[in-house]
Amino acid sequence: MKTLFVRNIHPETREKDLRELFSHHGTVRGLKLPMDIFTRRCKGVATIDMEGHEARAAQAGLDGSMFNGQAIQVREERPRGKRGGRR
């Protein structure tokens, strides 16, 4: 399972729109689209879970493509490293 991080999403985008877009490249296992609680508009980012080969195909096919009038950026989410320093 791979997690894709999507940026530059139009504020009027809904979860079903993103699910439909990414489902052309495989099965979307999970999708998180943060919304502003006051305006009910998308915050411009999302995370999408897909199987490895499907996620790579989606990244290759959708990175830089136009979606709802904006060029979206699709990257593989990298796990955050350990924080902190010397003790």
N, C-alpha and C. Protein backbone atom coordinates (compact mmCIF):
# COMPACT_ATOMS: atom_id res chain seq x y z
N MET A 1 0.85 -1.18 0.00
CA MET A 1 0.00 0.00 0.00
C MET A 1 0.89 1.24 0.00
N LYS A 2 0.57 2.17 -0.87
CA LYS A 2 1.31 3.43 -0.96
C LYS A 2 0.33 4.58 -0.71
N THR A 3 0.86 5.64 -0.11
CA THR A 3 0.07 6.84 0.11
C THR A 3 0.60 7.94 -0.79
N LEU A 4 -0.30 8.54 -1.54
CA LEU A 4 0.04 9.65 -2.41
C LEU A 4 -0.40 10.95 -1.75
N PHE A 5 0.43 11.98 -1.88
CA PHE A 5 0.11 13.29 -1.35
C PHE A 5 -0.20 14.19 -2.55
N VAL A 6 -1.38 14.77 -2.58
CA VAL A 6 -1.82 15.59 -3.71
C VAL A 6 -1.95 17.03 -3.24
N ARG A 7 -1.33 17.96 -4.01
CA ARG A 7 -1.37 19.38 -3.65
C ARG A 7 -1.96 20.19 -4.80
N ASN A 8 -2.29 21.43 -4.49
CA ASN A 8 -2.81 22.40 -5.44
C ASN A 8 -4.19 21.99 -5.96
N ILE A 9 -5.03 21.51 -5.06
CA ILE A 9 -6.39 21.10 -5.42
C ILE A 9 -7.31 22.32 -5.32
N HIS A 10 -8.19 22.48 -6.28
CA HIS A 10 -9.13 23.60 -6.30
C HIS A 10 -10.03 23.53 -5.06
N PRO A 11 -10.33 24.68 -4.44
CA PRO A 11 -11.13 24.69 -3.21
C PRO A 11 -12.53 24.09 -3.35
N GLU A 12 -13.10 24.07 -4.54
CA GLU A 12 -14.46 23.53 -4.72
C GLU A 12 -14.47 22.02 -4.96
N THR A 13 -13.32 21.37 -4.94
CA THR A 13 -13.23 19.93 -5.19
C THR A 13 -13.87 19.15 -4.05
N ARG A 14 -14.54 18.08 -4.41
CA ARG A 14 -15.17 17.18 -3.44
C ARG A 14 -14.49 15.82 -3.49
N GLU A 15 -14.70 15.04 -2.45
CA GLU A 15 -14.07 13.73 -2.32
C GLU A 15 -14.42 12.83 -3.50
N LYS A 16 -15.67 12.83 -3.92
CA LYS A 16 -16.08 11.96 -5.03
C LYS A 16 -15.36 12.33 -6.33
N ASP A 17 -15.04 13.63 -6.52
CA ASP A 17 -14.32 14.05 -7.72
C ASP A 17 -12.92 13.45 -7.75
N LEU A 18 -12.22 13.52 -6.62
CA LEU A 18 -10.87 12.96 -6.55
C LEU A 18 -10.88 11.45 -6.68
N ARG A 19 -11.84 10.81 -6.02
CA ARG A 19 -11.94 9.35 -6.09
C ARG A 19 -12.14 8.91 -7.55
N GLU A 20 -13.00 9.62 -8.27
CA GLU A 20 -13.25 9.29 -9.67
C GLU A 20 -11.99 9.49 -10.52
N LEU A 21 -11.27 10.58 -10.29
CA LEU A 21 -10.06 10.86 -11.05
C LEU A 21 -9.01 9.77 -10.85
N PHE A 22 -8.76 9.39 -9.60
CA PHE A 22 -7.71 8.41 -9.31
C PHE A 22 -8.15 6.98 -9.60
N SER A 23 -9.44 6.71 -9.65
CA SER A 23 -9.91 5.35 -9.91
C SER A 23 -9.63 4.90 -11.34
N HIS A 24 -9.29 5.83 -12.23
CA HIS A 24 -8.91 5.45 -13.60
C HIS A 24 -7.57 4.71 -13.60
N HIS A 25 -6.81 4.82 -12.51
CA HIS A 25 -5.49 4.18 -12.43
C HIS A 25 -5.48 2.99 -11.48
N GLY A 26 -6.59 2.72 -10.82
CA GLY A 26 -6.66 1.58 -9.90
C GLY A 26 -7.68 1.83 -8.81
N THR A 27 -7.69 0.95 -7.83
CA THR A 27 -8.64 1.03 -6.74
C THR A 27 -8.14 1.99 -5.66
N VAL A 28 -8.97 2.94 -5.31
CA VAL A 28 -8.64 3.88 -4.24
C VAL A 28 -9.04 3.23 -2.92
N ARG A 29 -8.05 2.90 -2.09
CA ARG A 29 -8.30 2.20 -0.82
C ARG A 29 -8.70 3.18 0.30
N GLY A 30 -8.20 4.39 0.22
CA GLY A 30 -8.52 5.39 1.23
C GLY A 30 -8.27 6.78 0.68
N LEU A 31 -9.05 7.75 1.17
CA LEU A 31 -8.90 9.10 0.69
C LEU A 31 -9.23 10.06 1.82
N LYS A 32 -8.34 11.01 2.06
CA LYS A 32 -8.60 12.04 3.07
C LYS A 32 -8.47 13.40 2.40
N LEU A 33 -9.54 14.17 2.45
CA LEU A 33 -9.59 15.49 1.86
C LEU A 33 -10.00 16.48 2.95
N PRO A 34 -9.02 17.12 3.60
CA PRO A 34 -9.35 18.05 4.69
C PRO A 34 -10.18 19.23 4.18
N MET A 35 -11.23 19.55 4.94
CA MET A 35 -12.11 20.66 4.60
C MET A 35 -12.05 21.72 5.69
N ASP A 36 -12.18 22.97 5.29
CA ASP A 36 -12.26 24.07 6.24
C ASP A 36 -13.62 23.98 6.94
N ILE A 37 -13.63 24.03 8.26
CA ILE A 37 -14.87 23.82 9.00
C ILE A 37 -15.85 24.99 8.85
N PHE A 38 -15.37 26.16 8.52
CA PHE A 38 -16.26 27.31 8.40
C PHE A 38 -16.79 27.48 6.98
N THR A 39 -15.94 27.35 6.00
CA THR A 39 -16.37 27.57 4.61
C THR A 39 -16.80 26.30 3.90
N ARG A 40 -16.46 25.13 4.46
CA ARG A 40 -16.74 23.82 3.87
C ARG A 40 -16.08 23.66 2.50
N ARG A 41 -14.93 24.32 2.33
CA ARG A 41 -14.16 24.22 1.10
C ARG A 41 -12.90 23.41 1.36
N CYS A 42 -12.41 22.78 0.31
CA CYS A 42 -11.20 21.98 0.39
C CYS A 42 -10.01 22.86 0.75
N LYS A 43 -9.10 22.33 1.58
CA LYS A 43 -7.91 23.08 1.99
C LYS A 43 -6.79 23.01 0.96
N GLY A 44 -7.00 22.30 -0.15
CA GLY A 44 -6.01 22.27 -1.23
C GLY A 44 -5.07 21.09 -1.24
N VAL A 45 -5.22 20.17 -0.28
CA VAL A 45 -4.36 18.99 -0.22
C VAL A 45 -5.22 17.75 0.04
N ALA A 46 -4.65 16.58 -0.27
CA ALA A 46 -5.34 15.31 0.01
C ALA A 46 -4.31 14.21 0.10
N THR A 47 -4.67 13.14 0.78
CA THR A 47 -3.86 11.92 0.77
C THR A 47 -4.73 10.79 0.22
N ILE A 48 -4.12 9.97 -0.62
CA ILE A 48 -4.85 8.89 -1.27
C ILE A 48 -4.05 7.61 -1.13
N ASP A 49 -4.70 6.55 -0.66
CA ASP A 49 -4.07 5.24 -0.49
C ASP A 49 -4.45 4.34 -1.66
N MET A 50 -3.41 3.75 -2.28
CA MET A 50 -3.61 2.81 -3.39
C MET A 50 -2.54 1.73 -3.30
N GLU A 51 -2.74 0.64 -4.03
CA GLU A 51 -1.72 -0.39 -4.11
C GLU A 51 -0.50 0.18 -4.83
N GLY A 52 0.69 -0.38 -4.57
CA GLY A 52 1.94 0.16 -5.06
C GLY A 52 2.01 0.45 -6.54
N HIS A 53 1.72 -0.54 -7.37
CA HIS A 53 1.82 -0.34 -8.82
C HIS A 53 0.76 0.62 -9.34
N GLU A 54 -0.42 0.61 -8.71
CA GLU A 54 -1.49 1.52 -9.10
C GLU A 54 -1.13 2.96 -8.70
N ALA A 55 -0.53 3.11 -7.53
CA ALA A 55 -0.13 4.43 -7.06
C ALA A 55 0.95 5.03 -7.97
N ARG A 56 1.89 4.20 -8.38
CA ARG A 56 2.94 4.69 -9.29
C ARG A 56 2.35 5.10 -10.64
N ALA A 57 1.38 4.34 -11.13
CA ALA A 57 0.72 4.68 -12.39
C ALA A 57 -0.07 5.98 -12.26
N ALA A 58 -0.75 6.15 -11.13
CA ALA A 58 -1.51 7.39 -10.90
C ALA A 58 -0.58 8.58 -10.80
N GLN A 59 0.53 8.42 -10.12
CA GLN A 59 1.50 9.52 -9.99
C GLN A 59 2.05 9.90 -11.36
N ALA A 60 2.43 8.91 -12.14
CA ALA A 60 2.99 9.18 -13.47
C ALA A 60 1.95 9.83 -14.39
N GLY A 61 0.71 9.40 -14.28
CA GLY A 61 -0.33 9.91 -15.17
C GLY A 61 -0.94 11.23 -14.76
N LEU A 62 -0.94 11.53 -13.46
CA LEU A 62 -1.67 12.70 -12.99
C LEU A 62 -0.80 13.86 -12.52
N ASP A 63 0.46 13.62 -12.22
CA ASP A 63 1.32 14.71 -11.73
C ASP A 63 1.44 15.79 -12.81
N GLY A 64 1.05 17.00 -12.49
CA GLY A 64 1.11 18.11 -13.42
C GLY A 64 -0.10 18.25 -14.32
N SER A 65 -1.05 17.33 -14.20
CA SER A 65 -2.24 17.40 -15.06
C SER A 65 -3.23 18.44 -14.52
N MET A 66 -4.09 18.92 -15.41
CA MET A 66 -5.10 19.90 -15.03
C MET A 66 -6.31 19.19 -14.44
N PHE A 67 -6.77 19.67 -13.29
CA PHE A 67 -7.95 19.12 -12.64
C PHE A 67 -8.71 20.29 -12.02
N ASN A 68 -9.94 20.49 -12.46
CA ASN A 68 -10.76 21.62 -12.02
C ASN A 68 -10.05 22.96 -12.23
N GLY A 69 -9.34 23.06 -13.34
CA GLY A 69 -8.71 24.32 -13.70
C GLY A 69 -7.37 24.60 -13.05
N GLN A 70 -6.80 23.64 -12.33
CA GLN A 70 -5.51 23.83 -11.68
C GLN A 70 -4.62 22.62 -11.94
N ALA A 71 -3.31 22.87 -12.06
CA ALA A 71 -2.34 21.78 -12.27
C ALA A 71 -2.03 21.16 -10.91
N ILE A 72 -2.46 19.92 -10.71
CA ILE A 72 -2.24 19.27 -9.43
C ILE A 72 -0.84 18.66 -9.37
N GLN A 73 -0.33 18.52 -8.15
CA GLN A 73 0.96 17.87 -7.92
C GLN A 73 0.70 16.59 -7.15
N VAL A 74 1.23 15.49 -7.65
CA VAL A 74 1.04 14.18 -7.02
C VAL A 74 2.41 13.63 -6.67
N ARG A 75 2.63 13.37 -5.40
CA ARG A 75 3.92 12.83 -4.92
C ARG A 75 3.65 11.66 -3.99
N GLU A 76 4.62 10.77 -3.90
CA GLU A 76 4.54 9.69 -2.92
C GLU A 76 4.84 10.28 -1.56
N GLU A 77 3.99 9.99 -0.60
CA GLU A 77 4.21 10.53 0.74
C GLU A 77 5.38 9.80 1.39
N ARG A 78 6.30 10.56 1.91
CA ARG A 78 7.47 10.00 2.57
C ARG A 78 7.22 9.98 4.07
N PRO A 79 7.59 8.89 4.74
CA PRO A 79 7.44 8.88 6.20
C PRO A 79 8.37 9.91 6.84
N ARG A 80 7.86 10.56 7.83
CA ARG A 80 8.67 11.56 8.52
C ARG A 80 9.75 10.87 9.34
N GLY A 81 10.93 11.47 9.34
CA GLY A 81 12.03 10.92 10.10
C GLY A 81 11.87 11.24 11.59
N LYS A 82 12.72 10.66 12.38
CA LYS A 82 12.68 10.94 13.80
C LYS A 82 13.09 12.38 14.04
N ARG A 83 12.41 13.01 14.95
CA ARG A 83 12.70 14.40 15.26
C ARG A 83 13.54 14.45 16.53
N GLY A 84 14.22 15.53 16.68
CA GLY A 84 15.00 15.69 17.89
C GLY A 84 16.48 15.60 17.59
N GLY A 85 17.23 15.81 18.57
CA GLY A 85 18.66 15.79 18.38
C GLY A 85 19.34 15.10 19.56
N ARG A 86 20.48 15.66 19.92
CA ARG A 86 21.22 15.05 21.03
C ARG A 86 20.50 15.26 22.34
N ARG A 87 20.77 14.37 23.24
CA ARG A 87 20.18 14.50 24.59
C ARG A 87 21.26 14.73 25.59
